[in-house]
PDB file of all heavy atoms in Angstrom:
ATOM      1  N   GLU A   1       0.818  -1.223   0.046  1.00  0.00           N
ATOM      2  CA  GLU A   1      -0.005  -0.033   0.011  1.00  0.00           C
ATOM      3  C   GLU A   1       0.882   1.204  -0.003  1.00  0.00           C
ATOM      4  O   GLU A   1       0.381   2.296   0.396  1.00  0.00           O
ATOM      5  CB  GLU A   1      -0.977  -0.002   1.187  1.00  0.00           C
ATOM      6  CG  GLU A   1      -2.001  -1.118   1.047  1.00  0.00           C
ATOM      7  CD  GLU A   1      -3.025  -1.057   2.135  1.00  0.00           C
ATOM      8  OE1 GLU A   1      -3.189  -0.071   2.788  1.00  0.00           O
ATOM      9  OE2 GLU A   1      -3.734  -2.119   2.307  1.00  0.00           O
ATOM     10  N   THR A   2       2.082   1.222  -0.465  1.00  0.00           N
ATOM     11  CA  THR A   2       2.899   2.396  -0.683  1.00  0.00           C
ATOM     12  C   THR A   2       2.349   3.199  -1.866  1.00  0.00           C
ATOM     13  O   THR A   2       1.803   2.605  -2.791  1.00  0.00           O
ATOM     14  CB  THR A   2       4.384   2.100  -0.780  1.00  0.00           C
ATOM     15  OG1 THR A   2       4.564   1.177  -1.903  1.00  0.00           O
ATOM     16  CG2 THR A   2       4.928   1.484   0.468  1.00  0.00           C
ATOM     17  N   PRO A   3       2.640   4.453  -1.966  1.00  0.00           N
ATOM     18  CA  PRO A   3       2.164   5.186  -3.139  1.00  0.00           C
ATOM     19  C   PRO A   3       2.836   4.652  -4.382  1.00  0.00           C
ATOM     20  O   PRO A   3       4.003   4.251  -4.379  1.00  0.00           O
ATOM     21  CB  PRO A   3       2.596   6.655  -2.935  1.00  0.00           C
ATOM     22  CG  PRO A   3       3.009   6.700  -1.446  1.00  0.00           C
ATOM     23  CD  PRO A   3       3.248   5.389  -0.992  1.00  0.00           C
ATOM     24  N   PRO A   4       2.098   4.574  -5.460  1.00  0.00           N
ATOM     25  CA  PRO A   4       2.651   4.035  -6.704  1.00  0.00           C
ATOM     26  C   PRO A   4       3.791   4.901  -7.263  1.00  0.00           C
ATOM     27  O   PRO A   4       3.688   6.105  -7.177  1.00  0.00           O
ATOM     28  CB  PRO A   4       1.465   3.889  -7.668  1.00  0.00           C
ATOM     29  CG  PRO A   4       0.502   4.874  -7.157  1.00  0.00           C
ATOM     30  CD  PRO A   4       0.703   5.015  -5.667  1.00  0.00           C
ATOM     31  N   ARG A   5       4.731   4.223  -7.905  1.00  0.00           N
ATOM     32  CA  ARG A   5       5.801   4.982  -8.585  1.00  0.00           C
ATOM     33  C   ARG A   5       5.371   5.449  -9.937  1.00  0.00           C
ATOM     34  O   ARG A   5       5.687   6.513 -10.406  1.00  0.00           O
ATOM     35  CB  ARG A   5       7.008   4.104  -8.797  1.00  0.00           C
ATOM     36  CG  ARG A   5       7.821   3.725  -7.642  1.00  0.00           C
ATOM     37  CD  ARG A   5       9.119   3.137  -8.071  1.00  0.00           C
ATOM     38  NE  ARG A   5       9.639   2.355  -6.952  1.00  0.00           N
ATOM     39  CZ  ARG A   5      10.502   1.422  -7.195  1.00  0.00           C
ATOM     40  NH1 ARG A   5      10.929   1.105  -8.359  1.00  0.00           N
ATOM     41  NH2 ARG A   5      11.049   0.777  -6.165  1.00  0.00           N
ATOM     42  N   PHE A   6       4.518   4.709 -10.591  1.00  0.00           N
ATOM     43  CA  PHE A   6       3.985   5.000 -11.913  1.00  0.00           C
ATOM     44  C   PHE A   6       2.559   5.546 -11.816  1.00  0.00           C
ATOM     45  O   PHE A   6       1.691   4.790 -11.327  1.00  0.00           O
ATOM     46  CB  PHE A   6       4.088   3.826 -12.824  1.00  0.00           C
ATOM     47  CG  PHE A   6       3.412   4.088 -14.177  1.00  0.00           C
ATOM     48  CD1 PHE A   6       4.000   4.794 -15.125  1.00  0.00           C
ATOM     49  CD2 PHE A   6       2.165   3.466 -14.478  1.00  0.00           C
ATOM     50  CE1 PHE A   6       3.417   5.036 -16.314  1.00  0.00           C
ATOM     51  CE2 PHE A   6       1.554   3.689 -15.710  1.00  0.00           C
ATOM     52  CZ  PHE A   6       2.173   4.438 -16.607  1.00  0.00           C
ATOM     53  N   VAL A   7       2.363   6.738 -12.214  1.00  0.00           N
ATOM     54  CA  VAL A   7       1.011   7.308 -12.301  1.00  0.00           C
ATOM     55  C   VAL A   7       0.652   7.632 -13.716  1.00  0.00           C
ATOM     56  O   VAL A   7       1.318   8.449 -14.334  1.00  0.00           O
ATOM     57  CB  VAL A   7       0.864   8.507 -11.369  1.00  0.00           C
ATOM     58  CG1 VAL A   7      -0.579   9.086 -11.405  1.00  0.00           C
ATOM     59  CG2 VAL A   7       1.244   8.233  -9.934  1.00  0.00           C
ATOM     60  N   PRO A   8      -0.219   6.841 -14.357  1.00  0.00           N
ATOM     61  CA  PRO A   8      -0.550   7.112 -15.771  1.00  0.00           C
ATOM     62  C   PRO A   8      -1.170   8.527 -15.944  1.00  0.00           C
ATOM     63  O   PRO A   8      -2.040   8.838 -15.211  1.00  0.00           O
ATOM     64  CB  PRO A   8      -1.492   6.013 -16.134  1.00  0.00           C
ATOM     65  CG  PRO A   8      -2.020   5.464 -14.870  1.00  0.00           C
ATOM     66  CD  PRO A   8      -1.103   5.765 -13.807  1.00  0.00           C
ATOM     67  N   ARG A   9      -0.593   9.198 -16.851  1.00  0.00           N
ATOM     68  CA  ARG A   9      -1.084  10.561 -17.206  1.00  0.00           C
ATOM     69  C   ARG A   9      -1.240  10.680 -18.597  1.00  0.00           C
ATOM     70  O   ARG A   9      -0.445  10.158 -19.420  1.00  0.00           O
ATOM     71  CB  ARG A   9      -0.103  11.622 -16.755  1.00  0.00           C
ATOM     72  CG  ARG A   9      -0.287  11.949 -15.262  1.00  0.00           C
ATOM     73  CD  ARG A   9       0.639  13.102 -14.935  1.00  0.00           C
ATOM     74  NE  ARG A   9       1.859  12.511 -14.318  1.00  0.00           N
ATOM     75  CZ  ARG A   9       2.996  12.982 -14.285  1.00  0.00           C
ATOM     76  NH1 ARG A   9       3.204  14.223 -14.648  1.00  0.00           N
ATOM     77  NH2 ARG A   9       4.020  12.318 -13.722  1.00  0.00           N
ATOM     78  N   PHE A  10      -2.278  11.484 -19.096  1.00  0.00           N
ATOM     79  CA  PHE A  10      -2.463  11.686 -20.458  1.00  0.00           C
ATOM     80  C   PHE A  10      -2.414  13.178 -20.729  1.00  0.00           C
ATOM     81  O   PHE A  10      -2.915  13.956 -19.916  1.00  0.00           O
ATOM     82  CB  PHE A  10      -3.785  11.109 -20.939  1.00  0.00           C
ATOM     83  CG  PHE A  10      -3.908   9.640 -20.691  1.00  0.00           C
ATOM     84  CD1 PHE A  10      -4.647   9.214 -19.618  1.00  0.00           C
ATOM     85  CD2 PHE A  10      -3.175   8.743 -21.479  1.00  0.00           C
ATOM     86  CE1 PHE A  10      -4.740   7.795 -19.376  1.00  0.00           C
ATOM     87  CE2 PHE A  10      -3.286   7.388 -21.268  1.00  0.00           C
ATOM     88  CZ  PHE A  10      -4.080   6.967 -20.174  1.00  0.00           C
ATOM     89  N   ASN A  11      -1.863  13.564 -21.823  1.00  0.00           N
ATOM     90  CA  ASN A  11      -1.675  15.016 -22.150  1.00  0.00           C
ATOM     91  C   ASN A  11      -2.808  15.466 -23.095  1.00  0.00           C
ATOM     92  O   ASN A  11      -2.646  16.386 -23.768  1.00  0.00           O
ATOM     93  CB  ASN A  11      -0.356  15.296 -22.764  1.00  0.00           C
ATOM     94  CG  ASN A  11       0.759  14.978 -21.799  1.00  0.00           C
ATOM     95  OD1 ASN A  11       0.577  15.243 -20.640  1.00  0.00           O
ATOM     96  ND2 ASN A  11       1.897  14.556 -22.325  1.00  0.00           N
ATOM     97  N   PHE A  12      -3.954  14.851 -23.034  1.00  0.00           N
ATOM     98  CA  PHE A  12      -5.062  15.175 -23.831  1.00  0.00           C
ATOM     99  C   PHE A  12      -6.374  14.984 -23.044  1.00  0.00           C
ATOM    100  O   PHE A  12      -6.392  14.176 -22.126  1.00  0.00           O
ATOM    101  CB  PHE A  12      -5.147  14.476 -25.163  1.00  0.00           C
ATOM    102  CG  PHE A  12      -4.899  12.996 -25.089  1.00  0.00           C
ATOM    103  CD1 PHE A  12      -5.839  12.114 -24.681  1.00  0.00           C
ATOM    104  CD2 PHE A  12      -3.676  12.441 -25.271  1.00  0.00           C
ATOM    105  CE1 PHE A  12      -5.713  10.757 -24.578  1.00  0.00           C
ATOM    106  CE2 PHE A  12      -3.373  11.085 -25.167  1.00  0.00           C
ATOM    107  CZ  PHE A  12      -4.402  10.286 -24.741  1.00  0.00           C
ATOM    108  N   SER A  13      -7.351  15.758 -23.387  1.00  0.00           N
ATOM    109  CA  SER A  13      -8.603  15.672 -22.642  1.00  0.00           C
ATOM    110  C   SER A  13      -9.567  14.692 -23.334  1.00  0.00           C
ATOM    111  O   SER A  13      -9.308  14.315 -24.453  1.00  0.00           O
ATOM    112  CB  SER A  13      -9.287  17.082 -22.616  1.00  0.00           C
ATOM    113  OG  SER A  13      -9.616  17.500 -23.875  1.00  0.00           O
ATOM    114  N   ALA A  14     -10.668  14.488 -22.650  1.00  0.00           N
ATOM    115  CA  ALA A  14     -11.694  13.578 -23.284  1.00  0.00           C
ATOM    116  C   ALA A  14     -12.336  14.305 -24.570  1.00  0.00           C
ATOM    117  O   ALA A  14     -12.628  13.616 -25.491  1.00  0.00           O
ATOM    118  CB  ALA A  14     -12.789  13.334 -22.291  1.00  0.00           C
ATOM    119  N   ARG A  15     -12.355  15.638 -24.466  1.00  0.00           N
ATOM    120  CA  ARG A  15     -12.855  16.396 -25.613  1.00  0.00           C
ATOM    121  C   ARG A  15     -11.985  16.168 -26.826  1.00  0.00           C
ATOM    122  O   ARG A  15     -12.349  16.005 -27.965  1.00  0.00           O
ATOM    123  CB  ARG A  15     -12.921  17.891 -25.261  1.00  0.00           C
ATOM    124  CG  ARG A  15     -13.452  18.731 -26.390  1.00  0.00           C
ATOM    125  CD  ARG A  15     -13.626  20.186 -25.912  1.00  0.00           C
ATOM    126  NE  ARG A  15     -14.033  20.963 -27.010  1.00  0.00           N
ATOM    127  CZ  ARG A  15     -13.348  22.015 -27.518  1.00  0.00           C
ATOM    128  NH1 ARG A  15     -12.277  22.385 -26.890  1.00  0.00           N
ATOM    129  NH2 ARG A  15     -13.855  22.730 -28.462  1.00  0.00           N
ATOM    130  N   ASP A  16     -10.577  16.147 -26.602  1.00  0.00           N
ATOM    131  CA  ASP A  16      -9.640  15.817 -27.715  1.00  0.00           C
ATOM    132  C   ASP A  16      -9.884  14.417 -28.292  1.00  0.00           C
ATOM    133  O   ASP A  16      -9.807  14.296 -29.504  1.00  0.00           O
ATOM    134  CB  ASP A  16      -8.274  15.927 -27.215  1.00  0.00           C
ATOM    135  CG  ASP A  16      -7.821  17.339 -26.856  1.00  0.00           C
ATOM    136  OD1 ASP A  16      -8.473  18.329 -27.356  1.00  0.00           O
ATOM    137  OD2 ASP A  16      -6.909  17.459 -26.002  1.00  0.00           O
ATOM    138  N   LEU A  17     -10.217  13.453 -27.431  1.00  0.00           N
ATOM    139  CA  LEU A  17     -10.427  12.161 -27.951  1.00  0.00           C
ATOM    140  C   LEU A  17     -11.687  12.009 -28.744  1.00  0.00           C
ATOM    141  O   LEU A  17     -11.755  11.172 -29.670  1.00  0.00           O
ATOM    142  CB  LEU A  17     -10.521  11.170 -26.790  1.00  0.00           C
ATOM    143  CG  LEU A  17      -9.205  10.856 -26.023  1.00  0.00           C
ATOM    144  CD1 LEU A  17      -9.451   9.998 -24.840  1.00  0.00           C
ATOM    145  CD2 LEU A  17      -8.230  10.153 -26.922  1.00  0.00           C
ATOM    146  N   LEU A  18     -12.693  12.794 -28.413  1.00  0.00           N
ATOM    147  CA  LEU A  18     -13.966  12.713 -29.063  1.00  0.00           C
ATOM    148  C   LEU A  18     -14.095  13.615 -30.275  1.00  0.00           C
ATOM    149  O   LEU A  18     -15.138  13.792 -30.877  1.00  0.00           O
ATOM    150  CB  LEU A  18     -15.114  12.983 -28.075  1.00  0.00           C
ATOM    151  CG  LEU A  18     -15.215  11.998 -26.867  1.00  0.00           C
ATOM    152  CD1 LEU A  18     -16.273  12.422 -25.945  1.00  0.00           C
ATOM    153  CD2 LEU A  18     -15.487  10.629 -27.450  1.00  0.00           C
ATOM    154  N   ARG A  19     -12.965  14.398 -30.537  1.00  0.00           N
ATOM    155  CA  ARG A  19     -12.991  15.363 -31.680  1.00  0.00           C
ATOM    156  C   ARG A  19     -13.255  14.609 -32.964  1.00  0.00           C
ATOM    157  O   ARG A  19     -12.769  13.611 -33.259  1.00  0.00           O
ATOM    158  CB  ARG A  19     -11.581  15.997 -31.696  1.00  0.00           C
ATOM    159  CG  ARG A  19     -11.453  17.058 -32.753  1.00  0.00           C
ATOM    160  CD  ARG A  19     -10.134  17.704 -32.663  1.00  0.00           C
ATOM    161  NE  ARG A  19      -9.068  16.683 -32.857  1.00  0.00           N
ATOM    162  CZ  ARG A  19      -8.039  16.859 -33.526  1.00  0.00           C
ATOM    163  NH1 ARG A  19      -7.814  17.989 -34.074  1.00  0.00           N
ATOM    164  NH2 ARG A  19      -7.088  15.976 -33.663  1.00  0.00           N
ATOM    165  N   ARG A  20     -14.039  15.291 -33.767  1.00  0.00           N
ATOM    166  CA  ARG A  20     -14.411  14.743 -35.091  1.00  0.00           C
ATOM    167  C   ARG A  20     -13.671  15.537 -36.201  1.00  0.00           C
ATOM    168  O   ARG A  20     -13.599  16.742 -36.152  1.00  0.00           O
ATOM    169  CB  ARG A  20     -15.857  14.909 -35.409  1.00  0.00           C
ATOM    170  CG  ARG A  20     -16.314  14.373 -36.710  1.00  0.00           C
ATOM    171  CD  ARG A  20     -17.853  14.388 -36.882  1.00  0.00           C
ATOM    172  NE  ARG A  20     -18.225  14.268 -38.216  1.00  0.00           N
ATOM    173  CZ  ARG A  20     -18.319  13.041 -38.883  1.00  0.00           C
ATOM    174  NH1 ARG A  20     -18.003  11.965 -38.168  1.00  0.00           N
ATOM    175  NH2 ARG A  20     -18.663  12.927 -40.116  1.00  0.00           N
ATOM    176  N   VAL A  21     -12.975  14.780 -37.036  1.00  0.00           N
ATOM    177  CA  VAL A  21     -12.127  15.458 -38.132  1.00  0.00           C
ATOM    178  C   VAL A  21     -12.815  14.998 -39.457  1.00  0.00           C
ATOM    179  O   VAL A  21     -12.967  13.834 -39.733  1.00  0.00           O
ATOM    180  CB  VAL A  21     -10.759  15.038 -38.070  1.00  0.00           C
ATOM    181  CG1 VAL A  21      -9.954  15.625 -39.277  1.00  0.00           C
ATOM    182  CG2 VAL A  21     -10.105  15.426 -36.826  1.00  0.00           C
ATOM    183  N   ASP A  22     -13.269  15.980 -40.172  1.00  0.00           N
ATOM    184  CA  ASP A  22     -13.880  15.656 -41.501  1.00  0.00           C
ATOM    185  C   ASP A  22     -12.732  15.569 -42.547  1.00  0.00           C
ATOM    186  O   ASP A  22     -11.981  16.471 -42.709  1.00  0.00           O
ATOM    187  CB  ASP A  22     -14.866  16.716 -42.009  1.00  0.00           C
ATOM    188  CG  ASP A  22     -16.109  16.696 -41.113  1.00  0.00           C
ATOM    189  OD1 ASP A  22     -16.532  15.581 -40.729  1.00  0.00           O
ATOM    190  OD2 ASP A  22     -16.629  17.715 -40.756  1.00  0.00           O
ATOM    191  N   PHE A  23     -12.635  14.425 -43.253  1.00  0.00           N
ATOM    192  CA  PHE A  23     -11.629  14.153 -44.283  1.00  0.00           C
ATOM    193  C   PHE A  23     -12.318  14.244 -45.665  1.00  0.00           C
ATOM    194  O   PHE A  23     -13.241  13.493 -45.929  1.00  0.00           O
ATOM    195  CB  PHE A  23     -10.968  12.816 -44.070  1.00  0.00           C
ATOM    196  CG  PHE A  23      -9.960  12.532 -45.103  1.00  0.00           C
ATOM    197  CD1 PHE A  23      -8.690  13.099 -45.139  1.00  0.00           C
ATOM    198  CD2 PHE A  23     -10.249  11.675 -46.125  1.00  0.00           C
ATOM    199  CE1 PHE A  23      -7.813  12.800 -46.165  1.00  0.00           C
ATOM    200  CE2 PHE A  23      -9.306  11.287 -47.084  1.00  0.00           C
ATOM    201  CZ  PHE A  23      -8.087  11.906 -47.120  1.00  0.00           C
ATOM    202  N   ASN A  24     -11.846  15.158 -46.436  1.00  0.00           N
ATOM    203  CA  ASN A  24     -12.457  15.395 -47.807  1.00  0.00           C
ATOM    204  C   ASN A  24     -11.549  14.626 -48.811  1.00  0.00           C
ATOM    205  O   ASN A  24     -10.519  15.203 -49.240  1.00  0.00           O
ATOM    206  CB  ASN A  24     -12.632  16.790 -48.083  1.00  0.00           C
ATOM    207  CG  ASN A  24     -13.320  17.056 -49.426  1.00  0.00           C
ATOM    208  OD1 ASN A  24     -13.721  16.069 -50.136  1.00  0.00           O
ATOM    209  ND2 ASN A  24     -13.478  18.285 -49.755  1.00  0.00           N
ATOM    210  N   ILE A  25     -11.933  13.455 -49.194  1.00  0.00           N
ATOM    211  CA  ILE A  25     -11.097  12.654 -50.161  1.00  0.00           C
ATOM    212  C   ILE A  25     -11.130  13.257 -51.614  1.00  0.00           C
ATOM    213  O   ILE A  25     -10.145  13.174 -52.310  1.00  0.00           O
ATOM    214  CB  ILE A  25     -11.613  11.190 -50.220  1.00  0.00           C
ATOM    215  CG1 ILE A  25     -10.489  10.270 -50.911  1.00  0.00           C
ATOM    216  CG2 ILE A  25     -12.893  11.053 -50.962  1.00  0.00           C
ATOM    217  CD1 ILE A  25     -10.665   8.855 -50.805  1.00  0.00           C
ATOM    218  N   LYS A  26     -12.190  14.039 -51.906  1.00  0.00           N
ATOM    219  CA  LYS A  26     -12.294  14.667 -53.253  1.00  0.00           C
ATOM    220  C   LYS A  26     -11.577  16.050 -53.214  1.00  0.00           C
ATOM    221  O   LYS A  26     -11.308  16.572 -54.254  1.00  0.00           O
ATOM    222  CB  LYS A  26     -13.787  14.870 -53.595  1.00  0.00           C
ATOM    223  CG  LYS A  26     -14.422  13.543 -53.810  1.00  0.00           C
ATOM    224  CD  LYS A  26     -15.860  13.788 -54.185  1.00  0.00           C
ATOM    225  CE  LYS A  26     -16.606  12.459 -54.423  1.00  0.00           C
ATOM    226  NZ  LYS A  26     -18.021  12.591 -54.715  1.00  0.00           N
ATOM    227  N   GLY A  27     -11.216  16.553 -52.090  1.00  0.00           N
ATOM    228  CA  GLY A  27     -10.535  17.897 -52.022  1.00  0.00           C
ATOM    229  C   GLY A  27      -9.003  17.691 -52.025  1.00  0.00           C
ATOM    230  O   GLY A  27      -8.475  16.920 -52.707  1.00  0.00           O
ATOM    231  N   ASP A  28      -8.377  18.450 -51.154  1.00  0.00           N
ATOM    232  CA  ASP A  28      -6.922  18.462 -51.055  1.00  0.00           C
ATOM    233  C   ASP A  28      -6.421  17.797 -49.774  1.00  0.00           C
ATOM    234  O   ASP A  28      -5.170  17.839 -49.501  1.00  0.00           O
ATOM    235  CB  ASP A  28      -6.356  19.912 -51.156  1.00  0.00           C
ATOM    236  CG  ASP A  28      -6.476  20.423 -52.523  1.00  0.00           C
ATOM    237  OD1 ASP A  28      -6.302  19.688 -53.534  1.00  0.00           O
ATOM    238  OD2 ASP A  28      -6.780  21.632 -52.677  1.00  0.00           O
ATOM    239  N   ASP A  29      -7.256  17.193 -49.008  1.00  0.00           N
ATOM    240  CA  ASP A  29      -6.845  16.667 -47.750  1.00  0.00           C
ATOM    241  C   ASP A  29      -5.944  15.394 -47.946  1.00  0.00           C
ATOM    242  O   ASP A  29      -6.143  14.666 -48.987  1.00  0.00           O
ATOM    243  CB  ASP A  29      -8.071  16.114 -46.876  1.00  0.00           C
ATOM    244  CG  ASP A  29      -8.909  17.300 -46.416  1.00  0.00           C
ATOM    245  OD1 ASP A  29      -8.463  18.455 -46.520  1.00  0.00           O
ATOM    246  OD2 ASP A  29     -10.032  17.031 -45.870  1.00  0.00           O
ATOM    247  N   LEU A  30      -4.991  15.210 -47.109  1.00  0.00           N
ATOM    248  CA  LEU A  30      -3.979  14.129 -47.275  1.00  0.00           C
ATOM    249  C   LEU A  30      -3.861  13.444 -45.924  1.00  0.00           C
ATOM    250  O   LEU A  30      -3.650  14.077 -44.888  1.00  0.00           O
ATOM    251  CB  LEU A  30      -2.701  14.716 -47.747  1.00  0.00           C
ATOM    252  CG  LEU A  30      -1.509  13.762 -47.935  1.00  0.00           C
ATOM    253  CD1 LEU A  30      -1.795  12.886 -49.178  1.00  0.00           C
ATOM    254  CD2 LEU A  30      -0.236  14.542 -48.158  1.00  0.00           C
ATOM    255  N   ILE A  31      -3.871  12.110 -45.884  1.00  0.00           N
ATOM    256  CA  ILE A  31      -3.550  11.378 -44.697  1.00  0.00           C
ATOM    257  C   ILE A  31      -2.077  10.942 -44.785  1.00  0.00           C
ATOM    258  O   ILE A  31      -1.685  10.343 -45.780  1.00  0.00           O
ATOM    259  CB  ILE A  31      -4.465  10.098 -44.527  1.00  0.00           C
ATOM    260  CG1 ILE A  31      -5.845  10.515 -44.281  1.00  0.00           C
ATOM    261  CG2 ILE A  31      -3.906   9.250 -43.463  1.00  0.00           C
ATOM    262  CD1 ILE A  31      -6.892   9.327 -44.223  1.00  0.00           C
ATOM    263  N   VAL A  32      -1.289  11.302 -43.819  1.00  0.00           N
ATOM    264  CA  VAL A  32       0.074  10.946 -43.729  1.00  0.00           C
ATOM    265  C   VAL A  32       0.191   9.942 -42.610  1.00  0.00           C
ATOM    266  O   VAL A  32      -0.055  10.221 -41.483  1.00  0.00           O
ATOM    267  CB  VAL A  32       1.039  12.139 -43.531  1.00  0.00           C
ATOM    268  CG1 VAL A  32       2.449  11.677 -43.415  1.00  0.00           C
ATOM    269  CG2 VAL A  32       0.854  13.124 -44.626  1.00  0.00           C
ATOM    270  N   PHE A  33       0.636   8.716 -42.916  1.00  0.00           N
ATOM    271  CA  PHE A  33       0.722   7.625 -41.936  1.00  0.00           C
ATOM    272  C   PHE A  33       2.068   7.618 -41.414  1.00  0.00           C
ATOM    273  O   PHE A  33       3.071   7.322 -42.134  1.00  0.00           O
ATOM    274  CB  PHE A  33       0.328   6.330 -42.487  1.00  0.00           C
ATOM    275  CG  PHE A  33       0.455   5.174 -41.609  1.00  0.00           C
ATOM    276  CD1 PHE A  33      -0.244   5.132 -40.373  1.00  0.00           C
ATOM    277  CD2 PHE A  33       1.292   4.161 -41.894  1.00  0.00           C
ATOM    278  CE1 PHE A  33      -0.129   4.113 -39.554  1.00  0.00           C
ATOM    279  CE2 PHE A  33       1.450   3.117 -40.968  1.00  0.00           C
ATOM    280  CZ  PHE A  33       0.730   3.081 -39.879  1.00  0.00           C
ATOM    281  N   LEU A  34       2.258   7.886 -40.094  1.00  0.00           N
ATOM    282  CA  LEU A  34       3.559   7.821 -39.425  1.00  0.00           C
ATOM    283  C   LEU A  34       3.663   6.456 -38.778  1.00  0.00           C
ATOM    284  O   LEU A  34       2.917   6.166 -37.879  1.00  0.00           O
ATOM    285  CB  LEU A  34       3.649   8.985 -38.346  1.00  0.00           C
ATOM    286  CG  LEU A  34       4.815   8.870 -37.400  1.00  0.00           C
ATOM    287  CD1 LEU A  34       6.131   9.038 -38.146  1.00  0.00           C
ATOM    288  CD2 LEU A  34       4.678   9.937 -36.389  1.00  0.00           C
ATOM    289  N   HIS A  35       4.597   5.664 -39.294  1.00  0.00           N
ATOM    290  CA  HIS A  35       4.679   4.253 -38.863  1.00  0.00           C
ATOM    291  C   HIS A  35       5.651   4.267 -37.635  1.00  0.00           C
ATOM    292  O   HIS A  35       6.895   4.540 -37.896  1.00  0.00           O
ATOM    293  CB  HIS A  35       5.216   3.422 -40.015  1.00  0.00           C
ATOM    294  CG  HIS A  35       5.433   2.008 -39.567  1.00  0.00           C
ATOM    295  ND1 HIS A  35       5.774   0.971 -40.486  1.00  0.00           N
ATOM    296  CD2 HIS A  35       5.241   1.317 -38.368  1.00  0.00           C
ATOM    297  CE1 HIS A  35       5.871  -0.130 -39.868  1.00  0.00           C
ATOM    298  NE2 HIS A  35       5.594   0.057 -38.601  1.00  0.00           N
ATOM    299  N   ILE A  36       5.190   3.950 -36.486  1.00  0.00           N
ATOM    300  CA  ILE A  36       5.996   3.805 -35.331  1.00  0.00           C
ATOM    301  C   ILE A  36       6.318   2.301 -35.199  1.00  0.00           C
ATOM    302  O   ILE A  36       5.386   1.469 -35.145  1.00  0.00           O
ATOM    303  CB  ILE A  36       5.340   4.345 -34.047  1.00  0.00           C
ATOM    304  CG1 ILE A  36       5.019   5.841 -34.209  1.00  0.00           C
ATOM    305  CG2 ILE A  36       6.184   4.138 -32.862  1.00  0.00           C
ATOM    306  CD1 ILE A  36       4.132   6.434 -33.174  1.00  0.00           C
ATOM    307  N   GLN A  37       7.583   1.975 -35.196  1.00  0.00           N
ATOM    308  CA  GLN A  37       7.896   0.583 -35.151  1.00  0.00           C
ATOM    309  C   GLN A  37       7.475  -0.200 -34.013  1.00  0.00           C
ATOM    310  O   GLN A  37       7.361   0.289 -32.904  1.00  0.00           O
ATOM    311  CB  GLN A  37       9.458   0.399 -35.277  1.00  0.00           C
ATOM    312  CG  GLN A  37       9.993   1.008 -36.586  1.00  0.00           C
ATOM    313  CD  GLN A  37      11.514   0.907 -36.628  1.00  0.00           C
ATOM    314  OE1 GLN A  37      12.074  -0.088 -36.366  1.00  0.00           O
ATOM    315  NE2 GLN A  37      12.175   1.987 -37.028  1.00  0.00           N
ATOM    316  N   LYS A  38       7.104  -1.469 -34.209  1.00  0.00           N
ATOM    317  CA  LYS A  38       6.682  -2.436 -33.173  1.00  0.00           C
ATOM    318  C   LYS A  38       5.402  -2.108 -32.484  1.00  0.00           C
ATOM    319  O   LYS A  38       5.195  -2.384 -31.362  1.00  0.00           O
ATOM    320  CB  LYS A  38       7.802  -2.637 -32.128  1.00  0.00           C
ATOM    321  CG  LYS A  38       9.091  -3.126 -32.709  1.00  0.00           C
ATOM    322  CD  LYS A  38       8.958  -4.452 -33.300  1.00  0.00           C
ATOM    323  CE  LYS A  38      10.275  -4.938 -33.955  1.00  0.00           C
ATOM    324  NZ  LYS A  38      10.030  -5.994 -34.876  1.00  0.00           N
ATOM    325  N   THR A  39       4.528  -1.423 -33.201  1.00  0.00           N
ATOM    326  CA  THR A  39       3.197  -0.963 -32.662  1.00  0.00           C
ATOM    327  C   THR A  39       2.019  -1.481 -33.490  1.00  0.00           C
ATOM    328  O   THR A  39       0.966  -1.010 -33.328  1.00  0.00           O
ATOM    329  CB  THR A  39       3.124   0.534 -32.515  1.00  0.00           C
ATOM    330  OG1 THR A  39       3.229   1.084 -33.813  1.00  0.00           O
ATOM    331  CG2 THR A  39       4.083   1.097 -31.589  1.00  0.00           C
ATOM    332  N   GLY A  40       2.284  -2.395 -34.431  1.00  0.00           N
ATOM    333  CA  GLY A  40       1.315  -2.876 -35.336  1.00  0.00           C
ATOM    334  C   GLY A  40       1.111  -2.025 -36.527  1.00  0.00           C
ATOM    335  O   GLY A  40       0.075  -2.189 -37.242  1.00  0.00           O
ATOM    336  N   GLY A  41       2.016  -1.162 -36.874  1.00  0.00           N
ATOM    337  CA  GLY A  41       1.922  -0.225 -37.959  1.00  0.00           C
ATOM    338  C   GLY A  41       1.885  -0.962 -39.325  1.00  0.00           C
ATOM    339  O   GLY A  41       1.154  -0.413 -40.220  1.00  0.00           O
ATOM    340  N   THR A  42       2.578  -1.957 -39.509  1.00  0.00           N
ATOM    341  CA  THR A  42       2.552  -2.650 -40.807  1.00  0.00           C
ATOM    342  C   THR A  42       1.131  -3.232 -41.037  1.00  0.00           C
ATOM    343  O   THR A  42       0.553  -3.018 -42.202  1.00  0.00           O
ATOM    344  CB  THR A  42       3.579  -3.845 -40.824  1.00  0.00           C
ATOM    345  OG1 THR A  42       4.884  -3.229 -40.609  1.00  0.00           O
ATOM    346  CG2 THR A  42       3.542  -4.596 -42.137  1.00  0.00           C
ATOM    347  N   THR A  43       0.533  -3.854 -40.094  1.00  0.00           N
ATOM    348  CA  THR A  43      -0.824  -4.428 -40.203  1.00  0.00           C
ATOM    349  C   THR A  43      -1.790  -3.217 -40.428  1.00  0.00           C
ATOM    350  O   THR A  43      -2.623  -3.292 -41.387  1.00  0.00           O
ATOM    351  CB  THR A  43      -1.223  -5.135 -38.966  1.00  0.00           C
ATOM    352  OG1 THR A  43      -0.282  -6.211 -38.823  1.00  0.00           O
ATOM    353  CG2 THR A  43      -2.606  -5.744 -39.132  1.00  0.00           C
TER     354      THR A  43
END
């Protein structure tokens, strides 16, 4: 029951997580995929 060494923290709010982004495939919008190794990026 000692205080934990690791306290999970997030630098974003619930509002950030629920944010909606409209992607216009017919316009000029572009999705850039940043592949971070060993995180399932290839799949």
